[in-house]
Amino acid sequence: LDFLYEGKTSAVPLEVKGADNPKAKRYRTFCREYAPKVGFEISQNRIGESLCEGTRIITLPRYLVWNIDHDAS
């Protein structure tokens, strides 16, 4: 877990990774304990969506980080 972003209704976890196959143990623990609706993974070039402990994880490349406000609502 690298950052917490203040969303409109709750804290949104952010994980920033340089590798294509990141291991994010603290991120997974945060999602398990606090059950946010959505979280983000910032990567070099991937776009995707997955689930982490019931949290919707949106993966965005760095150049799309400006879009977090839209997706965090």
Protein backbone atom coordinates (compact mmCIF):
# COMPACT_ATOMS: atom_id res chain seq x y z
CA LEU A 1 0.00 0.00 0.00
CA ASP A 2 1.63 3.21 -1.16
CA PHE A 3 -1.06 5.87 -0.78
CA LEU A 4 -4.59 6.47 0.43
CA TYR A 5 -6.59 8.81 -1.78
CA GLU A 6 -9.52 10.69 -0.28
CA GLY A 7 -12.47 9.68 -2.46
CA LYS A 8 -15.93 11.23 -2.33
CA THR A 9 -17.22 8.77 0.27
CA SER A 10 -14.22 6.82 1.57
CA ALA A 11 -10.45 6.28 1.48
CA VAL A 12 -9.24 4.67 -1.76
CA PRO A 13 -6.05 2.56 -1.66
CA LEU A 14 -3.37 3.14 -4.31
CA GLU A 15 -0.52 0.82 -5.15
CA VAL A 16 2.22 2.10 -7.49
CA LYS A 17 4.30 -0.55 -9.25
CA GLY A 18 7.11 -0.59 -11.76
CA ALA A 19 7.04 -4.36 -12.34
CA ASP A 20 4.44 -6.21 -14.39
CA ASN A 21 3.88 -8.89 -11.73
CA PRO A 22 3.74 -7.01 -8.42
CA LYS A 23 3.28 -8.59 -5.00
CA ALA A 24 1.36 -6.25 -2.75
CA LYS A 25 0.86 -7.95 0.63
CA ARG A 26 -0.01 -4.76 2.54
CA TYR A 27 -2.45 -3.73 -0.17
CA ARG A 28 -4.23 -7.09 0.09
CA THR A 29 -4.29 -6.80 3.91
CA PHE A 30 -5.79 -3.30 3.71
CA CYS A 31 -8.51 -4.52 1.34
CA ARG A 32 -9.30 -7.46 3.61
CA GLU A 33 -9.50 -5.37 6.79
CA TYR A 34 -11.26 -2.23 5.49
CA ALA A 35 -13.21 -3.57 2.46
CA PRO A 36 -13.08 -0.46 0.24
CA LYS A 37 -15.39 -0.60 -2.79
CA VAL A 38 -12.62 0.36 -5.21
CA GLY A 39 -8.84 0.61 -5.26
CA PHE A 40 -6.19 1.44 -7.84
CA GLU A 41 -2.96 -0.04 -9.04
CA ILE A 42 -0.75 2.35 -10.98
CA SER A 43 1.57 0.58 -13.41
CA GLN A 44 3.92 1.44 -16.23
CA ASN A 45 1.66 0.40 -19.08
CA ARG A 46 -1.15 -1.96 -18.04
CA ILE A 47 -4.89 -1.29 -18.08
CA GLY A 48 -7.20 -3.75 -16.39
CA GLU A 49 -9.61 -4.64 -13.65
CA SER A 50 -9.50 -7.36 -11.01
CA LEU A 51 -10.70 -8.25 -7.53
CA CYS A 52 -8.58 -8.17 -4.38
CA GLU A 53 -10.30 -9.52 -1.27
CA GLY A 54 -13.64 -8.33 -2.66
CA THR A 55 -12.37 -4.87 -3.64
CA ARG A 56 -12.64 -3.80 -7.30
CA ILE A 57 -9.08 -2.96 -8.40
CA ILE A 58 -8.62 -0.77 -11.44
CA THR A 59 -5.16 -0.90 -13.00
CA LEU A 60 -4.12 2.24 -14.84
CA PRO A 61 -0.86 3.26 -16.49
CA ARG A 62 0.78 6.36 -15.05
CA TYR A 63 -0.39 8.58 -17.89
CA LEU A 64 -4.05 7.92 -16.93
CA VAL A 65 -3.76 8.72 -13.21
CA TRP A 66 -5.71 11.96 -13.79
CA ASN A 67 -8.76 9.70 -14.32
CA ILE A 68 -8.87 8.49 -10.69
CA ASP A 69 -11.46 11.08 -9.62
CA HIS A 70 -13.87 9.72 -12.21
CA ASP A 71 -13.35 6.04 -11.33
CA ALA A 72 -13.28 6.50 -7.53
CA SER A 73 -16.89 7.69 -7.32
